Amino acid sequence: MTPDLPDLLVIDTATEACSVALFDGAHLLASDHAVMGRGHAERLVPMIAGLPGRGRAQAILVNCGPGSFTGVRVGLAAARALALAWSVPVSGYSTLRLIAAMALDQTPGAAGVDVVMTGGHGEYFTQSFDGMGEPVAALESLTPDAALAACAQALVAGSMAEALVAARGGSEGGGGEALALLPDARKALLLPASARALPADPLYGRGADAKPMAAAAST
């Protein structure tokens, strides 16, 4: 490692949001953030190149998902390539855990939060966290009705939070508080160190849609 380099480059492309952040210790040196439907691969490299020192840091942290299949892989591919080129370590974090940390940071004193994100095939990625941001349930991919039944906390965060709270009667009808949040690389240090130490491997949040060819042939 080179001591005069910033400590950490964070890359987040797992959802509609595409963001990068460069930290030295707890200090945010520079960042870039955009919400887009597509085009993460084309946007990410210029974002990193626009950071001081072209984003080079002593370590890399990347969002491993769940989220968009393509978005997750774009971020991981870039993080792994840069880690190899710079000979630095790379680790990951979970989309839902970062959303939980962001929501709790905005809502001091909350007893906990249910995170509900856009999933595949009309389902929601859901996970429940306590007031310290620790998971109290496993990550699941659920139908909207099943997510509605599973989410019992008053605070709901994520891209599908407003839809879920509306289905519970809305905020004025006692359905809880919705925070429409997307993961943001600039907020990565809200996570405890243990939550920033995942292997840099994809977290898809659901099983593969396609059957292996051998299995398909036998059915």
Protein backbone atom coordinates (compact mmCIF):
# COMPACT_ATOMS: atom_id res chain seq x y z
CA MET A 1 0.00 0.00 0.00
CA THR A 2 1.01 3.61 -0.63
CA PRO A 3 0.63 5.66 2.58
CA ASP A 4 -0.13 8.97 0.84
CA LEU A 5 -3.15 7.56 -1.01
CA PRO A 6 -6.69 8.03 0.32
CA ASP A 7 -7.96 5.14 2.40
CA LEU A 8 -11.02 3.97 0.52
CA LEU A 9 -12.84 4.06 -2.82
CA VAL A 10 -16.51 3.06 -2.61
CA ILE A 11 -18.43 1.90 -5.69
CA ASP A 12 -22.21 1.44 -5.75
CA THR A 13 -24.04 0.44 -8.95
CA ALA A 14 -26.45 -2.23 -7.69
CA THR A 15 -29.66 -0.24 -8.18
CA GLU A 16 -30.94 2.71 -10.22
CA ALA A 17 -28.38 4.84 -8.38
CA CYS A 18 -24.78 4.92 -9.58
CA SER A 19 -22.35 6.47 -7.13
CA VAL A 20 -18.70 6.60 -6.14
CA ALA A 21 -17.02 8.12 -3.11
CA LEU A 22 -13.40 8.62 -2.06
CA PHE A 23 -12.62 8.70 1.66
CA ASP A 24 -9.55 9.48 3.72
CA GLY A 25 -10.39 8.15 7.14
CA ALA A 26 -13.91 9.36 7.89
CA HIS A 27 -13.47 12.41 5.64
CA LEU A 28 -15.29 12.37 2.29
CA LEU A 29 -12.77 13.79 -0.19
CA ALA A 30 -14.90 13.64 -3.32
CA SER A 31 -17.90 11.85 -4.79
CA ASP A 32 -20.27 11.55 -7.72
CA HIS A 33 -23.87 10.35 -7.73
CA ALA A 34 -26.57 9.90 -10.37
CA VAL A 35 -29.88 8.08 -10.60
CA MET A 36 -30.40 6.40 -13.95
CA GLY A 37 -32.38 3.59 -15.46
CA ARG A 38 -29.55 2.15 -17.51
CA GLY A 39 -26.01 2.92 -18.55
CA HIS A 40 -24.12 2.21 -15.34
CA ALA A 41 -21.22 0.60 -17.19
CA GLU A 42 -20.71 3.66 -19.40
CA ARG A 43 -21.10 6.12 -16.53
CA LEU A 44 -19.06 4.41 -13.82
CA VAL A 45 -15.56 4.65 -15.30
CA PRO A 46 -15.78 8.41 -15.97
CA MET A 47 -17.16 8.88 -12.44
CA ILE A 48 -14.13 7.14 -10.94
CA ALA A 49 -11.70 8.90 -13.30
CA GLY A 50 -13.15 12.25 -12.21
CA LEU A 51 -12.16 11.70 -8.59
CA PRO A 52 -8.84 13.04 -7.24
CA GLY A 53 -5.99 10.80 -8.34
CA ARG A 54 -8.48 9.04 -10.65
CA GLY A 55 -9.96 7.41 -7.57
CA ARG A 56 -6.92 5.41 -6.56
CA ALA A 57 -7.05 4.35 -2.94
CA GLN A 58 -5.57 1.86 -0.51
CA ALA A 59 -8.73 -0.29 -0.49
CA ILE A 60 -11.97 -0.67 -2.43
CA LEU A 61 -15.48 -1.27 -1.11
CA VAL A 62 -18.33 -2.28 -3.42
CA ASN A 63 -22.07 -2.92 -3.17
CA CYS A 64 -22.56 -6.65 -3.79
CA GLY A 65 -26.36 -6.49 -4.12
CA PRO A 66 -29.05 -7.51 -4.22
CA GLY A 67 -30.34 -5.30 -6.98
CA SER A 68 -30.16 -5.20 -10.73
CA PHE A 69 -28.34 -8.26 -12.10
CA THR A 70 -26.38 -6.10 -14.53
CA GLY A 71 -25.76 -3.31 -12.04
CA VAL A 72 -24.36 -5.67 -9.42
CA ARG A 73 -21.98 -7.22 -11.90
CA VAL A 74 -20.84 -3.86 -13.30
CA GLY A 75 -19.79 -2.67 -9.87
CA LEU A 76 -18.11 -5.91 -8.91
CA ALA A 77 -16.22 -6.16 -12.20
CA ALA A 78 -14.88 -2.62 -11.84
CA ALA A 79 -13.94 -3.10 -8.18
CA ARG A 80 -12.12 -6.37 -8.84
CA ALA A 81 -10.28 -4.97 -11.87
CA LEU A 82 -9.10 -1.90 -9.99
CA ALA A 83 -8.12 -3.96 -6.95
CA LEU A 84 -5.99 -6.16 -9.19
CA ALA A 85 -4.43 -3.23 -11.04
CA TRP A 86 -3.66 -1.34 -7.84
CA SER A 87 -2.77 -4.42 -5.75
CA VAL A 88 -5.21 -3.43 -3.01
CA PRO A 89 -7.89 -5.36 -1.09
CA VAL A 90 -11.54 -5.29 -2.11
CA SER A 91 -14.56 -6.09 0.07
CA GLY A 92 -18.31 -5.67 -0.15
CA TYR A 93 -21.53 -4.72 1.59
CA SER A 94 -25.25 -5.40 1.19
CA THR A 95 -27.73 -3.03 -0.45
CA LEU A 96 -30.38 -3.58 2.21
CA ARG A 97 -28.02 -3.15 5.13
CA LEU A 98 -26.80 0.19 3.79
CA ILE A 99 -30.39 1.34 3.24
CA ALA A 100 -31.17 0.36 6.85
CA ALA A 101 -28.18 2.37 8.11
CA MET A 102 -29.20 5.38 6.03
CA ALA A 103 -32.81 5.21 7.27
CA LEU A 104 -31.82 4.93 10.92
CA ASP A 105 -29.37 7.81 10.50
CA GLN A 106 -32.27 9.95 9.29
CA THR A 107 -34.65 8.72 12.03
CA PRO A 108 -32.85 8.81 15.40
CA GLY A 109 -34.55 6.73 18.05
CA ALA A 110 -36.36 4.41 15.64
CA ALA A 111 -36.87 0.94 17.08
CA GLY A 112 -35.95 -0.65 13.77
CA VAL A 113 -36.65 -0.58 10.05
CA ASP A 114 -37.99 -2.87 7.36
CA VAL A 115 -36.13 -2.43 4.08
CA VAL A 116 -38.10 -3.10 0.89
CA MET A 117 -36.36 -2.84 -2.48
CA THR A 118 -37.34 -3.54 -6.07
CA GLY A 119 -36.69 -7.20 -6.87
CA GLY A 120 -37.06 -9.38 -9.91
CA HIS A 121 -40.29 -10.59 -11.52
CA GLY A 122 -42.45 -8.19 -9.55
CA GLU A 123 -41.11 -9.29 -6.17
CA TYR A 124 -39.57 -7.20 -3.40
CA PHE A 125 -36.24 -7.79 -1.67
CA THR A 126 -37.08 -7.46 2.03
CA GLN A 127 -35.16 -7.61 5.29
CA SER A 128 -35.83 -6.40 8.82
CA PHE A 129 -33.27 -4.61 11.02
CA ASP A 130 -33.23 -3.53 14.65
CA GLY A 131 -32.58 0.00 15.91
CA MET A 132 -28.83 -0.55 15.71
CA GLY A 133 -29.01 -1.57 12.06
CA GLU A 134 -28.38 -5.25 12.76
CA PRO A 135 -30.42 -7.76 10.73
CA VAL A 136 -33.14 -9.58 12.67
CA ALA A 137 -34.39 -11.60 9.69
CA ALA A 138 -32.86 -13.13 6.60
CA LEU A 139 -32.92 -11.42 3.24
CA GLU A 140 -35.90 -12.66 1.21
CA SER A 141 -37.42 -12.10 -2.21
CA LEU A 142 -41.19 -11.93 -1.67
CA THR A 143 -44.34 -11.12 -3.59
CA PRO A 144 -45.84 -7.74 -2.65
CA ASP A 145 -48.55 -9.45 -0.57
CA ALA A 146 -46.01 -11.61 1.26
CA ALA A 147 -43.79 -8.58 1.88
CA LEU A 148 -46.78 -6.72 3.27
CA ALA A 149 -47.40 -9.55 5.72
CA ALA A 150 -43.72 -9.86 6.67
CA CYS A 151 -43.02 -6.16 7.30
CA ALA A 152 -44.36 -5.09 10.70
CA GLN A 153 -42.14 -2.17 11.68
CA ALA A 154 -43.43 1.40 11.57
CA LEU A 155 -40.39 2.64 9.64
CA VAL A 156 -40.03 1.29 6.10
CA ALA A 157 -37.19 2.29 3.78
CA GLY A 158 -36.11 1.54 0.24
CA SER A 159 -37.28 1.96 -3.32
CA MET A 160 -40.60 0.20 -2.60
CA ALA A 161 -41.20 1.71 0.85
CA GLU A 162 -43.85 4.15 -0.32
CA ALA A 163 -45.77 1.40 -2.11
CA LEU A 164 -45.73 -0.85 0.95
CA VAL A 165 -46.79 1.90 3.37
CA ALA A 166 -49.56 2.91 0.95
CA ALA A 167 -50.79 -0.70 0.93
CA ARG A 168 -50.96 -0.53 4.75
CA GLY A 169 -53.20 2.52 4.60
CA GLY A 170 -50.65 5.27 4.09
CA SER A 171 -48.80 7.34 6.65
CA GLU A 172 -51.95 9.26 7.60
CA GLY A 173 -53.88 6.02 7.99
CA GLY A 174 -51.41 4.44 10.40
CA GLY A 175 -49.43 2.58 7.75
CA GLY A 176 -46.11 3.85 9.07
CA GLU A 177 -43.37 6.12 7.75
CA ALA A 178 -41.85 5.55 4.32
CA LEU A 179 -38.35 6.67 3.33
CA ALA A 180 -37.79 6.27 -0.40
CA LEU A 181 -34.04 5.59 -0.38
CA LEU A 182 -31.50 4.19 -2.80
CA PRO A 183 -28.01 3.11 -1.72
CA ASP A 184 -25.39 5.83 -1.85
CA ALA A 185 -21.62 5.31 -1.79
CA ARG A 186 -21.27 8.54 0.18
CA LYS A 187 -23.06 6.90 3.12
CA ALA A 188 -21.03 3.68 3.20
CA LEU A 189 -19.21 4.57 6.41
CA LEU A 190 -22.53 4.49 8.29
CA LEU A 191 -22.03 0.73 8.17
CA PRO A 192 -20.01 -0.91 10.94
CA ALA A 193 -16.71 -2.43 9.88
CA SER A 194 -18.14 -5.96 10.07
CA ALA A 195 -20.82 -5.04 7.51
CA ARG A 196 -18.14 -3.74 5.13
CA ALA A 197 -16.19 -6.99 5.10
CA LEU A 198 -18.27 -9.21 2.81
CA PRO A 199 -16.48 -11.07 0.02
CA ALA A 200 -16.69 -9.16 -3.26
CA ASP A 201 -19.16 -11.67 -4.70
CA PRO A 202 -22.68 -11.05 -5.99
CA LEU A 203 -25.67 -11.19 -3.64
CA TYR A 204 -28.57 -11.83 -5.99
CA GLY A 205 -31.25 -12.23 -3.33
CA ARG A 206 -33.07 -14.97 -5.22
CA GLY A 207 -32.31 -18.19 -7.05
CA ALA A 208 -31.46 -18.33 -10.72
CA ASP A 209 -34.44 -18.02 -13.06
CA ALA A 210 -33.01 -20.34 -15.69
CA LYS A 211 -32.50 -24.04 -15.10
CA PRO A 212 -29.08 -25.58 -15.85
CA MET A 213 -29.18 -27.30 -19.24
CA ALA A 214 -28.76 -30.77 -17.73
CA ALA A 215 -31.64 -30.21 -15.33
CA ALA A 216 -33.83 -28.76 -18.07
CA ALA A 217 -33.17 -31.76 -20.29
CA SER A 218 -34.29 -34.17 -17.58
CA THR A 219 -37.68 -32.46 -17.04
